[in-house]
Amino acid sequence: MFAQYLPNELMLENMILSFLFGVGIFAVFYITYSKVSVSGSFAFTLIMLPPISCLVMLIIRNDLYLSVGMLGALSIIRYRYSMKEAKNLLFVFWAVTMGLACGILQRRTALVAFILIAAVAILIHFVFERKNTAMLAVKTSGSAQEIEKILKKLAITYDVKHTSLDKTSDILYEIKPEKGKKQFDKRLCEKISLLKGVSSVKFIKSN
């Protein structure tokens, strides 16, 4: 029922290992991410979750009273953050699991699991969903609907990332060719620049 105290060196080793797992998980997330920019706060979360989970398990260990107390403390916290993508939730769960494995001293199991999961995630990404995204920055005094008509006509899916409204609008699109197309149409910038009111078009490829 009561915790068995571990040497400080062993606890430190497991904390460092869990932190390295966090860095590795973020690296895999970055490689397999399907959009251009990665959220800094989510990156920080992925890196810090394993050592925090590890610390919790090192504190609790086999102590029943601490376990119940920790469970009670966590149960009163209300988490309002919603994951926009299922893949993000998968990486969060992976990060927590690595931390828990280090916390119960299953370092070899954690290492093998990390290598296997990372290899499968990267393989799936490069085989099925390799990213081919770009950013399109348009400065215009006209309607954004005309720009979006061209994007649809050229079989490009888009997501409006930023819009600043003034006398002229600065619109930032994240764009990606539709399924079945590997490259962007070379006429994209030319067609948009010919629209009435468009003063500049910048195309930034992500990879």
Protein backbone atom coordinates (compact mmCIF):
# COMPACT_ATOMS: atom_id res chain seq x y z
CA MET A 1 0.00 0.00 0.00
CA PHE A 2 2.89 2.33 0.62
CA ALA A 3 5.39 3.64 -1.87
CA GLN A 4 8.86 2.21 -2.15
CA TYR A 5 11.28 5.09 -2.37
CA LEU A 6 13.59 5.08 -5.37
CA PRO A 7 17.15 6.39 -5.56
CA ASN A 8 17.30 9.97 -6.81
CA GLU A 9 19.58 8.93 -9.67
CA LEU A 10 17.02 6.42 -10.96
CA MET A 11 14.20 8.97 -10.77
CA LEU A 12 16.30 11.52 -12.62
CA GLU A 13 17.21 9.01 -15.33
CA ASN A 14 13.55 8.20 -15.94
CA MET A 15 12.58 11.88 -16.02
CA ILE A 16 15.30 12.61 -18.60
CA LEU A 17 14.29 9.59 -20.68
CA SER A 18 10.64 10.64 -20.64
CA PHE A 19 11.65 14.14 -21.75
CA LEU A 20 13.60 12.65 -24.66
CA PHE A 21 10.53 10.63 -25.58
CA GLY A 22 8.56 13.88 -25.63
CA VAL A 23 11.07 15.47 -28.01
CA GLY A 24 10.94 12.36 -30.20
CA ILE A 25 7.13 12.35 -30.26
CA PHE A 26 7.11 16.00 -31.31
CA ALA A 27 9.62 15.21 -34.06
CA VAL A 28 7.33 12.48 -35.41
CA PHE A 29 4.35 14.85 -35.14
CA TYR A 30 6.23 17.53 -37.07
CA ILE A 31 7.22 15.08 -39.82
CA THR A 32 3.70 13.72 -40.22
CA TYR A 33 1.84 17.02 -39.78
CA SER A 34 -0.36 17.72 -42.81
CA LYS A 35 -0.41 21.52 -42.53
CA VAL A 36 2.20 24.22 -42.97
CA SER A 37 2.57 25.67 -39.49
CA VAL A 38 2.70 23.80 -36.18
CA SER A 39 1.11 25.28 -33.07
CA GLY A 40 3.81 26.26 -30.59
CA SER A 41 1.58 25.54 -27.61
CA PHE A 42 0.75 22.05 -28.88
CA ALA A 43 4.44 21.34 -29.52
CA PHE A 44 5.22 22.43 -25.95
CA THR A 45 2.43 20.16 -24.68
CA LEU A 46 3.74 17.09 -26.50
CA ILE A 47 7.26 17.62 -25.17
CA MET A 48 6.21 18.25 -21.56
CA LEU A 49 3.48 15.60 -21.18
CA PRO A 50 5.82 12.56 -20.86
CA PRO A 51 8.01 13.97 -18.03
CA ILE A 52 4.93 15.25 -16.18
CA SER A 53 3.18 11.86 -16.49
CA CYS A 54 6.40 10.18 -15.40
CA LEU A 55 6.65 12.41 -12.34
CA VAL A 56 3.06 11.61 -11.35
CA MET A 57 3.75 7.86 -11.51
CA LEU A 58 7.03 8.19 -9.62
CA ILE A 59 5.23 10.07 -6.84
CA ILE A 60 2.30 7.66 -6.63
CA ARG A 61 4.08 4.32 -7.18
CA ASN A 62 2.29 1.73 -4.99
CA ASP A 63 0.85 4.20 -2.48
CA LEU A 64 -2.92 3.70 -2.40
CA TYR A 65 -3.61 6.93 -0.49
CA LEU A 66 -1.60 9.05 -2.90
CA SER A 67 -3.34 7.37 -5.84
CA VAL A 68 -6.78 8.16 -4.50
CA GLY A 69 -5.75 11.73 -3.67
CA MET A 70 -4.31 12.31 -7.13
CA LEU A 71 -7.42 10.86 -8.75
CA GLY A 72 -9.61 13.17 -6.68
CA ALA A 73 -7.50 16.21 -7.57
CA LEU A 74 -7.63 15.45 -11.29
CA SER A 75 -11.38 14.76 -11.23
CA ILE A 76 -12.21 18.35 -10.20
CA ILE A 77 -10.27 19.87 -13.13
CA ARG A 78 -12.42 20.78 -16.10
CA TYR A 79 -10.69 20.43 -19.44
CA ARG A 80 -12.26 22.65 -22.09
CA TYR A 81 -9.71 22.26 -24.87
CA SER A 82 -11.10 20.35 -27.85
CA MET A 83 -8.88 18.61 -30.37
CA LYS A 84 -9.46 19.79 -33.93
CA GLU A 85 -7.98 16.62 -35.40
CA ALA A 86 -8.15 13.00 -34.22
CA LYS A 87 -4.43 12.66 -34.96
CA ASN A 88 -3.63 15.30 -32.32
CA LEU A 89 -5.49 13.28 -29.68
CA LEU A 90 -3.52 10.20 -30.70
CA PHE A 91 -0.20 12.01 -30.16
CA VAL A 92 -1.33 13.33 -26.76
CA PHE A 93 -2.28 9.80 -25.66
CA TRP A 94 1.06 8.50 -26.97
CA ALA A 95 2.94 11.16 -24.98
CA VAL A 96 1.07 10.35 -21.77
CA THR A 97 1.63 6.60 -22.25
CA MET A 98 5.39 7.05 -22.68
CA GLY A 99 5.51 9.06 -19.48
CA LEU A 100 3.55 6.42 -17.58
CA ALA A 101 5.83 3.67 -18.86
CA CYS A 102 8.90 5.56 -17.63
CA GLY A 103 7.19 6.24 -14.32
CA ILE A 104 6.69 2.52 -13.63
CA LEU A 105 10.29 1.80 -14.71
CA GLN A 106 9.35 -0.02 -17.92
CA ARG A 107 12.08 1.72 -19.90
CA ARG A 108 12.83 -1.13 -22.29
CA THR A 109 9.13 -1.60 -23.09
CA ALA A 110 8.74 2.15 -23.60
CA LEU A 111 11.73 2.30 -25.95
CA VAL A 112 10.54 -0.62 -28.09
CA ALA A 113 7.00 0.79 -28.21
CA PHE A 114 8.29 4.25 -29.17
CA ILE A 115 10.39 2.90 -32.05
CA LEU A 116 7.54 0.77 -33.40
CA ILE A 117 4.89 3.50 -33.15
CA ALA A 118 7.18 6.14 -34.65
CA ALA A 119 8.12 3.86 -37.55
CA VAL A 120 4.48 3.01 -38.31
CA ALA A 121 3.36 6.66 -38.07
CA ILE A 122 6.09 7.87 -40.45
CA LEU A 123 5.47 4.97 -42.85
CA ILE A 124 1.73 5.69 -42.99
CA HIS A 125 2.43 9.36 -43.59
CA PHE A 126 4.79 8.86 -46.51
CA VAL A 127 2.72 6.09 -48.09
CA PHE A 128 -0.78 7.53 -47.72
CA GLU A 129 -0.78 11.21 -46.79
CA ARG A 130 2.49 12.91 -47.62
CA LYS A 131 1.89 16.61 -47.31
CA ASN A 132 1.94 18.92 -50.28
CA THR A 133 0.74 22.19 -48.84
CA ALA A 134 1.63 25.82 -49.38
CA MET A 135 0.72 29.31 -48.22
CA LEU A 136 -0.86 31.83 -50.54
CA ALA A 137 -0.79 35.50 -49.45
CA VAL A 138 -3.05 37.82 -51.42
CA LYS A 139 -3.45 41.59 -51.05
CA THR A 140 -6.65 42.80 -52.65
CA SER A 141 -9.26 45.52 -52.54
CA GLY A 142 -11.73 43.25 -54.32
CA SER A 143 -13.84 40.30 -53.23
CA ALA A 144 -12.27 37.18 -51.76
CA GLN A 145 -14.98 35.12 -53.41
CA GLU A 146 -13.35 35.62 -56.81
CA ILE A 147 -10.06 34.27 -55.46
CA GLU A 148 -11.78 31.25 -53.96
CA LYS A 149 -13.57 30.54 -57.24
CA ILE A 150 -10.18 30.25 -58.94
CA LEU A 151 -8.89 27.94 -56.20
CA LYS A 152 -11.89 25.64 -56.66
CA LYS A 153 -11.59 25.77 -60.44
CA LEU A 154 -7.95 24.69 -60.25
CA ALA A 155 -8.85 21.79 -57.91
CA ILE A 156 -7.21 23.32 -54.83
CA THR A 157 -8.58 22.94 -51.33
CA TYR A 158 -7.99 25.89 -49.05
CA ASP A 159 -8.29 27.13 -45.50
CA VAL A 160 -8.32 30.84 -44.62
CA LYS A 161 -5.66 31.27 -41.91
CA HIS A 162 -5.69 35.06 -41.54
CA THR A 163 -7.64 38.05 -42.84
CA SER A 164 -6.99 41.71 -42.10
CA LEU A 165 -9.63 44.13 -43.30
CA ASP A 166 -8.85 47.73 -44.22
CA LYS A 167 -9.07 49.63 -47.49
CA THR A 168 -7.29 46.57 -48.86
CA SER A 169 -7.55 43.03 -47.48
CA ASP A 170 -4.53 40.87 -46.66
CA ILE A 171 -5.69 37.27 -46.93
CA LEU A 172 -3.56 34.26 -46.05
CA TYR A 173 -4.65 30.88 -47.42
CA GLU A 174 -3.29 27.46 -46.62
CA ILE A 175 -3.74 25.54 -49.86
CA LYS A 176 -3.39 21.93 -50.97
CA PRO A 177 -4.09 20.10 -54.25
CA GLU A 178 -7.20 17.96 -54.17
CA LYS A 179 -6.87 14.18 -54.06
CA GLY A 180 -5.51 12.77 -57.26
CA LYS A 181 -3.34 15.82 -58.00
CA LYS A 182 0.29 15.95 -56.90
CA GLN A 183 1.22 19.49 -57.94
CA PHE A 184 -0.28 22.96 -57.90
CA ASP A 185 -1.45 24.43 -61.18
CA LYS A 186 1.31 26.71 -62.48
CA ARG A 187 -1.29 29.28 -63.56
CA LEU A 188 -2.48 29.85 -60.00
CA CYS A 189 -0.61 33.08 -59.20
CA GLU A 190 -1.06 34.41 -62.72
CA LYS A 191 -4.83 33.95 -62.67
CA ILE A 192 -5.23 35.53 -59.23
CA SER A 193 -2.98 38.49 -60.08
CA LEU A 194 -5.24 39.28 -63.06
CA LEU A 195 -8.28 39.74 -60.83
CA LYS A 196 -9.56 43.25 -60.32
CA GLY A 197 -8.24 44.83 -57.11
CA VAL A 198 -5.41 42.34 -56.53
CA SER A 199 -2.14 44.18 -55.90
CA SER A 200 0.15 41.31 -54.88
CA VAL A 201 0.23 37.50 -54.76
CA LYS A 202 2.86 35.50 -52.89
CA PHE A 203 3.15 31.71 -53.10
CA ILE A 204 5.20 29.95 -50.41
CA LYS A 205 5.78 26.21 -50.76
CA SER A 206 6.11 24.25 -47.53
CA ASN A 207 8.36 21.47 -48.78
